């Protein structure tokens, strides 16, 4: 896909070649999709990530990726239905021409709120679990710098917090197995990596938007367990121990140009 090629003035509203801007947007779409893994699933009540930048690679293990943009502070980006966020910009003339086959999106954190039931012996309370996970080192969360793997979990009933737990060394949920998206945690900065096919032409004479559309319909998946009081299709938690999460993040991503 040639997203920056074509040249020309871009019409009366276009800008000069050396001033053409590339806008990177992330849009969340919740068109229903069929389940492929047999797990229970739900659409989070809220989900968002902290975007740190965009890199384009000529191969999956490209040692010198092209940095399209890099944020000094994370851009809080909603994954809820209809969310549309400009996460970064670049001047086209500063980019390097070539064909890029992978995108790498560094991320600082993921936040999500899901419905579920908390169990304490015979007590079962329906509510919401509001979670934050630091995916990169030295991420500023809750007023403090957090290590990669730091997590916070607050249980709410009718919007009222009933208790919060925090810890280190969180397990990291992967996006959908069929999505083509991989959460790479091999360095101190977490990143989503996925295939693309982008031909970059820095001489473009008009502003361009690179649009990443994420399907986030029922993109929180878990495996039901048969503990006393647990119900199928309900995310159950006992004493802070979750039913196994099998997916956290987008079902798919598509890349288009506007």
C-alpha atoms as a PDB file:
ATOM      1  CA  UNK A   1       0.000   0.000   0.000  1.00  0.00           C
ATOM      2  CA  UNK A   2       1.502   3.359  -1.053  1.00  0.00           C
ATOM      3  CA  UNK A   3       0.346   5.692   1.672  1.00  0.00           C
ATOM      4  CA  UNK A   4       2.653   8.649   1.041  1.00  0.00           C
ATOM      5  CA  UNK A   5       3.304   8.478  -2.676  1.00  0.00           C
ATOM      6  CA  UNK A   6       1.819  10.507  -5.501  1.00  0.00           C
ATOM      7  CA  UNK A   7       3.519  13.914  -5.198  1.00  0.00           C
ATOM      8  CA  UNK A   8       1.692  16.942  -6.566  1.00  0.00           C
ATOM      9  CA  UNK A   9       0.399  20.018  -4.838  1.00  0.00           C
ATOM     10  CA  UNK A  10      -2.575  18.314  -3.169  1.00  0.00           C
ATOM     11  CA  UNK A  11      -4.939  20.984  -4.515  1.00  0.00           C
ATOM     12  CA  UNK A  12      -5.625  24.440  -3.158  1.00  0.00           C
ATOM     13  CA  UNK A  13      -5.543  23.195   0.416  1.00  0.00           C
ATOM     14  CA  UNK A  14      -2.242  21.338   0.039  1.00  0.00           C
ATOM     15  CA  UNK A  15       1.074  22.326   1.583  1.00  0.00           C
ATOM     16  CA  UNK A  16       4.558  22.576   0.134  1.00  0.00           C
ATOM     17  CA  UNK A  17       6.477  19.282  -0.146  1.00  0.00           C
ATOM     18  CA  UNK A  18       8.882  20.197   2.665  1.00  0.00           C
ATOM     19  CA  UNK A  19       5.959  21.079   4.908  1.00  0.00           C
ATOM     20  CA  UNK A  20       3.618  18.169   4.226  1.00  0.00           C
ATOM     21  CA  UNK A  21       2.548  16.566   7.481  1.00  0.00           C
ATOM     22  CA  UNK A  22       1.883  12.928   8.298  1.00  0.00           C
ATOM     23  CA  UNK A  23      -0.797  12.456  10.951  1.00  0.00           C
ATOM     24  CA  UNK A  24      -1.048   9.092  12.687  1.00  0.00           C
ATOM     25  CA  UNK A  25      -4.523   8.253  14.013  1.00  0.00           C
ATOM     26  CA  UNK A  26      -5.899   5.306  15.925  1.00  0.00           C
ATOM     27  CA  UNK A  27      -9.621   4.597  15.637  1.00  0.00           C
ATOM     28  CA  UNK A  28     -11.488   1.934  17.623  1.00  0.00           C
ATOM     29  CA  UNK A  29     -14.228  -0.025  15.860  1.00  0.00           C
ATOM     30  CA  UNK A  30     -16.532  -2.482  17.593  1.00  0.00           C
ATOM     31  CA  UNK A  31     -18.177  -4.225  14.670  1.00  0.00           C
ATOM     32  CA  UNK A  32     -19.122  -7.692  16.008  1.00  0.00           C
ATOM     33  CA  UNK A  33     -16.723 -10.503  15.135  1.00  0.00           C
ATOM     34  CA  UNK A  34     -17.069 -14.218  15.773  1.00  0.00           C
ATOM     35  CA  UNK A  35     -15.151 -15.886  18.591  1.00  0.00           C
ATOM     36  CA  UNK A  36     -12.285 -18.046  17.363  1.00  0.00           C
ATOM     37  CA  UNK A  37     -10.731 -19.397  20.575  1.00  0.00           C
ATOM     38  CA  UNK A  38     -13.722 -20.773  22.497  1.00  0.00           C
ATOM     39  CA  UNK A  39     -13.074 -18.523  25.503  1.00  0.00           C
ATOM     40  CA  UNK A  40     -15.624 -16.403  27.310  1.00  0.00           C
ATOM     41  CA  UNK A  41     -15.347 -12.760  26.306  1.00  0.00           C
ATOM     42  CA  UNK A  42     -16.651  -9.261  26.897  1.00  0.00           C
ATOM     43  CA  UNK A  43     -16.105  -5.732  25.671  1.00  0.00           C
ATOM     44  CA  UNK A  44     -14.378  -3.752  28.437  1.00  0.00           C
ATOM     45  CA  UNK A  45     -16.329  -0.856  29.915  1.00  0.00           C
ATOM     46  CA  UNK A  46     -13.220   1.224  29.264  1.00  0.00           C
ATOM     47  CA  UNK A  47      -9.861   0.440  27.696  1.00  0.00           C
ATOM     48  CA  UNK A  48      -6.918   2.626  26.692  1.00  0.00           C
ATOM     49  CA  UNK A  49      -3.186   2.522  26.100  1.00  0.00           C
ATOM     50  CA  UNK A  50      -0.347   5.035  26.411  1.00  0.00           C
ATOM     51  CA  UNK A  51       1.212   5.416  22.947  1.00  0.00           C
ATOM     52  CA  UNK A  52       4.904   6.362  22.893  1.00  0.00           C
ATOM     53  CA  UNK A  53       5.588   6.385  19.148  1.00  0.00           C
ATOM     54  CA  UNK A  54       5.606   4.641  15.807  1.00  0.00           C
ATOM     55  CA  UNK A  55       8.487   2.851  14.107  1.00  0.00           C
ATOM     56  CA  UNK A  56       8.471   1.254  10.652  1.00  0.00           C
ATOM     57  CA  UNK A  57      10.661  -1.754   9.847  1.00  0.00           C
ATOM     58  CA  UNK A  58      11.764  -3.266   6.542  1.00  0.00           C
ATOM     59  CA  UNK A  59      11.836  -6.709   8.160  1.00  0.00           C
ATOM     60  CA  UNK A  60      10.552  -8.091  11.447  1.00  0.00           C
ATOM     61  CA  UNK A  61      14.049  -7.943  12.968  1.00  0.00           C
ATOM     62  CA  UNK A  62      15.194  -4.734  11.260  1.00  0.00           C
ATOM     63  CA  UNK A  63      18.051  -3.434  13.478  1.00  0.00           C
ATOM     64  CA  UNK A  64      17.520   0.176  12.318  1.00  0.00           C
ATOM     65  CA  UNK A  65      13.789   0.951  12.220  1.00  0.00           C
ATOM     66  CA  UNK A  66      12.639   4.324  10.986  1.00  0.00           C
ATOM     67  CA  UNK A  67      11.153   6.408  13.777  1.00  0.00           C
ATOM     68  CA  UNK A  68       8.076   8.190  12.444  1.00  0.00           C
ATOM     69  CA  UNK A  69       7.377   9.972  15.733  1.00  0.00           C
ATOM     70  CA  UNK A  70       8.329   9.634  19.385  1.00  0.00           C
ATOM     71  CA  UNK A  71       6.275  11.101  22.223  1.00  0.00           C
ATOM     72  CA  UNK A  72       8.003  12.522  25.276  1.00  0.00           C
ATOM     73  CA  UNK A  73       4.961  11.569  27.362  1.00  0.00           C
ATOM     74  CA  UNK A  74       2.499   8.779  26.520  1.00  0.00           C
ATOM     75  CA  UNK A  75      -0.538   9.724  24.458  1.00  0.00           C
ATOM     76  CA  UNK A  76      -3.570   8.330  26.256  1.00  0.00           C
ATOM     77  CA  UNK A  77      -5.494   6.532  23.510  1.00  0.00           C
ATOM     78  CA  UNK A  78      -8.991   5.143  23.896  1.00  0.00           C
ATOM     79  CA  UNK A  79      -9.965   1.754  22.505  1.00  0.00           C
ATOM     80  CA  UNK A  80     -13.684   2.316  23.130  1.00  0.00           C
ATOM     81  CA  UNK A  81     -16.316   2.396  20.386  1.00  0.00           C
ATOM     82  CA  UNK A  82     -15.839   5.462  18.192  1.00  0.00           C
ATOM     83  CA  UNK A  83     -12.642   6.674  19.874  1.00  0.00           C
ATOM     84  CA  UNK A  84     -10.489   8.551  17.346  1.00  0.00           C
ATOM     85  CA  UNK A  85      -7.082   9.822  18.506  1.00  0.00           C
ATOM     86  CA  UNK A  86      -4.207  11.562  16.712  1.00  0.00           C
ATOM     87  CA  UNK A  87      -1.296   9.876  18.475  1.00  0.00           C
ATOM     88  CA  UNK A  88       1.570  11.605  16.662  1.00  0.00           C
ATOM     89  CA  UNK A  89       2.727  13.635  13.676  1.00  0.00           C
ATOM     90  CA  UNK A  90       5.782  13.858  11.428  1.00  0.00           C
ATOM     91  CA  UNK A  91       7.015  16.029   8.567  1.00  0.00           C
ATOM     92  CA  UNK A  92       7.004  13.846   5.469  1.00  0.00           C
ATOM     93  CA  UNK A  93      10.314  15.195   4.139  1.00  0.00           C
ATOM     94  CA  UNK A  94      12.138  13.927   7.253  1.00  0.00           C
ATOM     95  CA  UNK A  95      11.121  10.315   6.634  1.00  0.00           C
ATOM     96  CA  UNK A  96      13.207   7.772   4.769  1.00  0.00           C
ATOM     97  CA  UNK A  97      11.893   6.423   1.472  1.00  0.00           C
ATOM     98  CA  UNK A  98      11.345   2.701   1.217  1.00  0.00           C
ATOM     99  CA  UNK A  99       8.979  -0.221   1.596  1.00  0.00           C
ATOM    100  CA  UNK A 100       8.190  -1.108   5.192  1.00  0.00           C
ATOM    101  CA  UNK A 101       6.722  -4.469   6.135  1.00  0.00           C
ATOM    102  CA  UNK A 102       6.237  -4.144   9.903  1.00  0.00           C
ATOM    103  CA  UNK A 103       5.059  -1.483  12.327  1.00  0.00           C
ATOM    104  CA  UNK A 104       6.263  -1.240  15.908  1.00  0.00           C
ATOM    105  CA  UNK A 105       4.241   0.865  18.359  1.00  0.00           C
ATOM    106  CA  UNK A 106       5.989   1.424  21.724  1.00  0.00           C
ATOM    107  CA  UNK A 107       3.515   1.656  24.613  1.00  0.00           C
ATOM    108  CA  UNK A 108       3.858   2.804  28.217  1.00  0.00           C
ATOM    109  CA  UNK A 109       0.780   1.241  29.786  1.00  0.00           C
ATOM    110  CA  UNK A 110      -2.565  -0.417  29.269  1.00  0.00           C
ATOM    111  CA  UNK A 111      -5.681   0.405  31.306  1.00  0.00           C
ATOM    112  CA  UNK A 112      -8.961  -1.481  31.225  1.00  0.00           C
ATOM    113  CA  UNK A 113     -12.169  -1.876  33.221  1.00  0.00           C
ATOM    114  CA  UNK A 114     -14.158  -5.109  32.934  1.00  0.00           C
ATOM    115  CA  UNK A 115     -17.297  -6.442  34.584  1.00  0.00           C
ATOM    116  CA  UNK A 116     -16.910  -9.444  36.876  1.00  0.00           C
ATOM    117  CA  UNK A 117     -17.659 -11.058  40.212  1.00  0.00           C
ATOM    118  CA  UNK A 118     -15.446 -11.038  43.270  1.00  0.00           C
ATOM    119  CA  UNK A 119     -15.675 -14.098  45.549  1.00  0.00           C
ATOM    120  CA  UNK A 120     -14.710 -14.249  49.215  1.00  0.00           C
ATOM    121  CA  UNK A 121     -15.875 -17.557  50.638  1.00  0.00           C
ATOM    122  CA  UNK A 122     -19.667 -17.674  50.272  1.00  0.00           C
ATOM    123  CA  UNK A 123     -19.783 -13.965  49.416  1.00  0.00           C
ATOM    124  CA  UNK A 124     -20.092 -13.092  45.711  1.00  0.00           C
ATOM    125  CA  UNK A 125     -20.150  -9.422  44.666  1.00  0.00           C
ATOM    126  CA  UNK A 126     -20.827  -8.288  41.102  1.00  0.00           C
ATOM    127  CA  UNK A 127     -18.832  -5.226  40.100  1.00  0.00           C
ATOM    128  CA  UNK A 128     -16.028  -3.976  37.934  1.00  0.00           C
ATOM    129  CA  UNK A 129     -12.285  -4.569  37.939  1.00  0.00           C
ATOM    130  CA  UNK A 130     -10.318  -1.433  37.043  1.00  0.00           C
ATOM    131  CA  UNK A 131      -6.784  -2.427  36.080  1.00  0.00           C
ATOM    132  CA  UNK A 132      -3.583  -0.664  35.066  1.00  0.00           C
ATOM    133  CA  UNK A 133      -0.423  -2.442  33.854  1.00  0.00           C
ATOM    134  CA  UNK A 134       2.906  -0.705  33.195  1.00  0.00           C
ATOM    135  CA  UNK A 135       4.348  -2.098  29.960  1.00  0.00           C
ATOM    136  CA  UNK A 136       7.535  -0.012  30.013  1.00  0.00           C
ATOM    137  CA  UNK A 137      10.120   0.928  32.622  1.00  0.00           C
ATOM    138  CA  UNK A 138       9.939   4.299  34.373  1.00  0.00           C
ATOM    139  CA  UNK A 139       6.313   4.895  33.412  1.00  0.00           C
ATOM    140  CA  UNK A 140       4.593   7.661  35.381  1.00  0.00           C
ATOM    141  CA  UNK A 141       1.381   6.196  36.828  1.00  0.00           C
ATOM    142  CA  UNK A 142      -0.608   7.197  39.879  1.00  0.00           C
ATOM    143  CA  UNK A 143       1.890   9.993  40.568  1.00  0.00           C
ATOM    144  CA  UNK A 144       4.941   7.756  40.699  1.00  0.00           C
ATOM    145  CA  UNK A 145       7.388   6.143  38.302  1.00  0.00           C
ATOM    146  CA  UNK A 146       6.557   2.473  37.894  1.00  0.00           C
ATOM    147  CA  UNK A 147       8.640  -0.497  36.831  1.00  0.00           C
ATOM    148  CA  UNK A 148       7.784  -2.551  33.800  1.00  0.00           C
ATOM    149  CA  UNK A 149       5.282  -5.094  35.118  1.00  0.00           C
ATOM    150  CA  UNK A 150       3.847  -2.936  37.896  1.00  0.00           C
ATOM    151  CA  UNK A 151       0.090  -3.380  38.196  1.00  0.00           C
ATOM    152  CA  UNK A 152      -2.876  -1.968  40.058  1.00  0.00           C
ATOM    153  CA  UNK A 153      -6.319  -3.585  40.429  1.00  0.00           C
ATOM    154  CA  UNK A 154      -9.288  -1.780  41.989  1.00  0.00           C
ATOM    155  CA  UNK A 155     -12.613  -3.532  42.562  1.00  0.00           C
ATOM    156  CA  UNK A 156     -15.657  -1.265  42.293  1.00  0.00           C
ATOM    157  CA  UNK A 157     -19.325  -1.863  43.148  1.00  0.00           C
ATOM    158  CA  UNK A 158     -21.713   0.650  41.550  1.00  0.00           C
ATOM    159  CA  UNK A 159     -18.728   2.897  40.911  1.00  0.00           C
ATOM    160  CA  UNK A 160     -17.518   2.866  44.517  1.00  0.00           C
ATOM    161  CA  UNK A 161     -14.021   1.446  45.157  1.00  0.00           C
ATOM    162  CA  UNK A 162     -14.111  -1.485  47.575  1.00  0.00           C
ATOM    163  CA  UNK A 163     -10.379  -2.205  47.621  1.00  0.00           C
ATOM    164  CA  UNK A 164      -7.166  -1.885  45.624  1.00  0.00           C
ATOM    165  CA  UNK A 165      -4.242  -4.243  45.222  1.00  0.00           C
ATOM    166  CA  UNK A 166      -0.899  -3.449  43.594  1.00  0.00           C
ATOM    167  CA  UNK A 167       2.143  -5.504  42.744  1.00  0.00           C
ATOM    168  CA  UNK A 168       5.011  -6.221  40.405  1.00  0.00           C
ATOM    169  CA  UNK A 169       5.752  -8.779  37.674  1.00  0.00           C
ATOM    170  CA  UNK A 170       2.348  -8.734  36.029  1.00  0.00           C
ATOM    171  CA  UNK A 171       1.550 -11.306  33.395  1.00  0.00           C
ATOM    172  CA  UNK A 172       1.072  -9.564  30.067  1.00  0.00           C
ATOM    173  CA  UNK A 173      -2.037 -10.415  28.056  1.00  0.00           C
ATOM    174  CA  UNK A 174      -1.525 -10.731  24.318  1.00  0.00           C
ATOM    175  CA  UNK A 175      -3.916  -9.402  21.663  1.00  0.00           C
ATOM    176  CA  UNK A 176      -5.966 -11.882  19.631  1.00  0.00           C
ATOM    177  CA  UNK A 177      -4.039 -14.884  18.347  1.00  0.00           C
ATOM    178  CA  UNK A 178      -5.440 -14.335  14.846  1.00  0.00           C
ATOM    179  CA  UNK A 179      -4.908 -10.559  14.926  1.00  0.00           C
ATOM    180  CA  UNK A 180      -1.321 -10.623  13.684  1.00  0.00           C
ATOM    181  CA  UNK A 181      -0.438  -8.294  16.586  1.00  0.00           C
ATOM    182  CA  UNK A 182       2.287  -9.334  19.025  1.00  0.00           C
ATOM    183  CA  UNK A 183       3.115  -7.637  22.327  1.00  0.00           C
ATOM    184  CA  UNK A 184       6.912  -7.594  22.418  1.00  0.00           C
ATOM    185  CA  UNK A 185       8.249  -7.382  25.977  1.00  0.00           C
ATOM    186  CA  UNK A 186      11.858  -8.309  25.159  1.00  0.00           C
ATOM    187  CA  UNK A 187      13.178  -4.862  26.140  1.00  0.00           C
ATOM    188  CA  UNK A 188      12.416  -2.290  28.829  1.00  0.00           C
ATOM    189  CA  UNK A 189       9.920  -0.630  26.465  1.00  0.00           C
ATOM    190  CA  UNK A 190       6.925  -2.756  25.534  1.00  0.00           C
ATOM    191  CA  UNK A 191       5.665  -2.528  21.960  1.00  0.00           C
ATOM    192  CA  UNK A 192       2.937  -3.862  19.722  1.00  0.00           C
ATOM    193  CA  UNK A 193       4.392  -5.301  16.495  1.00  0.00           C
ATOM    194  CA  UNK A 194       2.360  -6.252  13.426  1.00  0.00           C
ATOM    195  CA  UNK A 195       2.793  -6.623   9.649  1.00  0.00           C
ATOM    196  CA  UNK A 196       2.060  -3.781   7.234  1.00  0.00           C
ATOM    197  CA  UNK A 197       2.930  -2.971   3.640  1.00  0.00           C
ATOM    198  CA  UNK A 198       3.778   0.729   3.446  1.00  0.00           C
ATOM    199  CA  UNK A 199       5.695   2.490   0.683  1.00  0.00           C
ATOM    200  CA  UNK A 200       7.029   5.783   2.014  1.00  0.00           C
ATOM    201  CA  UNK A 201       7.696   8.706  -0.378  1.00  0.00           C
ATOM    202  CA  UNK A 202       9.057  11.746   1.514  1.00  0.00           C
ATOM    203  CA  UNK A 203       8.407  14.018  -1.498  1.00  0.00           C
ATOM    204  CA  UNK A 204       4.639  13.882  -1.065  1.00  0.00           C
ATOM    205  CA  UNK A 205       3.154  17.346  -1.603  1.00  0.00           C
ATOM    206  CA  UNK A 206       0.102  17.193   0.637  1.00  0.00           C
ATOM    207  CA  UNK A 207      -0.813  16.246   4.190  1.00  0.00           C
ATOM    208  CA  UNK A 208      -1.546  12.574   4.793  1.00  0.00           C
ATOM    209  CA  UNK A 209      -3.238  10.631   7.577  1.00  0.00           C
ATOM    210  CA  UNK A 210      -2.142   7.098   8.368  1.00  0.00           C
ATOM    211  CA  UNK A 211      -5.167   5.472   9.946  1.00  0.00           C
ATOM    212  CA  UNK A 212      -4.876   2.419  12.182  1.00  0.00           C
ATOM    213  CA  UNK A 213      -8.344   0.923  12.735  1.00  0.00           C
ATOM    214  CA  UNK A 214      -8.524  -1.514  15.646  1.00  0.00           C
ATOM    215  CA  UNK A 215     -11.405  -3.913  16.161  1.00  0.00           C
ATOM    216  CA  UNK A 216     -11.968  -4.042  19.927  1.00  0.00           C
ATOM    217  CA  UNK A 217     -15.325  -5.837  20.068  1.00  0.00           C
ATOM    218  CA  UNK A 218     -15.358  -8.262  23.016  1.00  0.00           C
ATOM    219  CA  UNK A 219     -11.559  -8.224  22.963  1.00  0.00           C
ATOM    220  CA  UNK A 220     -11.133  -9.259  26.619  1.00  0.00           C
ATOM    221  CA  UNK A 221     -11.136 -13.089  26.788  1.00  0.00           C
ATOM    222  CA  UNK A 222     -10.791 -15.516  29.651  1.00  0.00           C
ATOM    223  CA  UNK A 223     -11.087 -19.225  30.376  1.00  0.00           C
ATOM    224  CA  UNK A 224     -13.974 -20.148  32.680  1.00  0.00           C
ATOM    225  CA  UNK A 225     -13.138 -22.360  35.652  1.00  0.00           C
ATOM    226  CA  UNK A 226     -15.456 -24.638  37.634  1.00  0.00           C
ATOM    227  CA  UNK A 227     -14.918 -23.325  41.152  1.00  0.00           C
ATOM    228  CA  UNK A 228     -17.863 -23.189  43.627  1.00  0.00           C
ATOM    229  CA  UNK A 229     -20.075 -20.198  42.844  1.00  0.00           C
ATOM    230  CA  UNK A 230     -18.423 -19.465  39.514  1.00  0.00           C
ATOM    231  CA  UNK A 231     -20.716 -18.908  36.537  1.00  0.00           C
ATOM    232  CA  UNK A 232     -20.013 -19.536  32.859  1.00  0.00           C
ATOM    233  CA  UNK A 233     -19.580 -16.350  30.866  1.00  0.00           C
ATOM    234  CA  UNK A 234     -18.756 -14.333  33.999  1.00  0.00           C
ATOM    235  CA  UNK A 235     -15.234 -13.141  34.801  1.00  0.00           C
ATOM    236  CA  UNK A 236     -14.701 -14.534  38.312  1.00  0.00           C
ATOM    237  CA  UNK A 237     -11.979 -13.561  40.786  1.00  0.00           C
ATOM    238  CA  UNK A 238     -11.212 -15.043  44.205  1.00  0.00           C
ATOM    239  CA  UNK A 239      -8.796 -13.382  46.634  1.00  0.00           C
ATOM    240  CA  UNK A 240      -7.154 -11.537  43.718  1.00  0.00           C
ATOM    241  CA  UNK A 241      -6.686 -14.698  41.632  1.00  0.00           C
ATOM    242  CA  UNK A 242      -8.198 -14.220  38.190  1.00  0.00           C
ATOM    243  CA  UNK A 243      -9.678 -16.779  35.883  1.00  0.00           C
ATOM    244  CA  UNK A 244      -6.965 -17.184  33.193  1.00  0.00           C
ATOM    245  CA  UNK A 245      -6.982 -14.244  30.751  1.00  0.00           C
ATOM    246  CA  UNK A 246      -6.399 -15.508  27.205  1.00  0.00           C
ATOM    247  CA  UNK A 247      -6.628 -12.188  25.325  1.00  0.00           C
ATOM    248  CA  UNK A 248      -6.170  -8.542  26.229  1.00  0.00           C
ATOM    249  CA  UNK A 249      -6.218  -6.161  23.280  1.00  0.00           C
ATOM    250  CA  UNK A 250      -7.417  -5.712  19.721  1.00  0.00           C
ATOM    251  CA  UNK A 251      -8.846  -8.510  17.609  1.00  0.00           C
ATOM    252  CA  UNK A 252      -7.342  -7.029  14.447  1.00  0.00           C
ATOM    253  CA  UNK A 253      -5.747  -3.931  12.922  1.00  0.00           C
ATOM    254  CA  UNK A 254      -6.099  -2.495   9.436  1.00  0.00           C
ATOM    255  CA  UNK A 255      -4.048   0.339   7.940  1.00  0.00           C
ATOM    256  CA  UNK A 256      -5.493   2.841   5.482  1.00  0.00           C
ATOM    257  CA  UNK A 257      -4.616   6.274   4.132  1.00  0.00           C
ATOM    258  CA  UNK A 258      -6.695   9.433   4.025  1.00  0.00           C
END
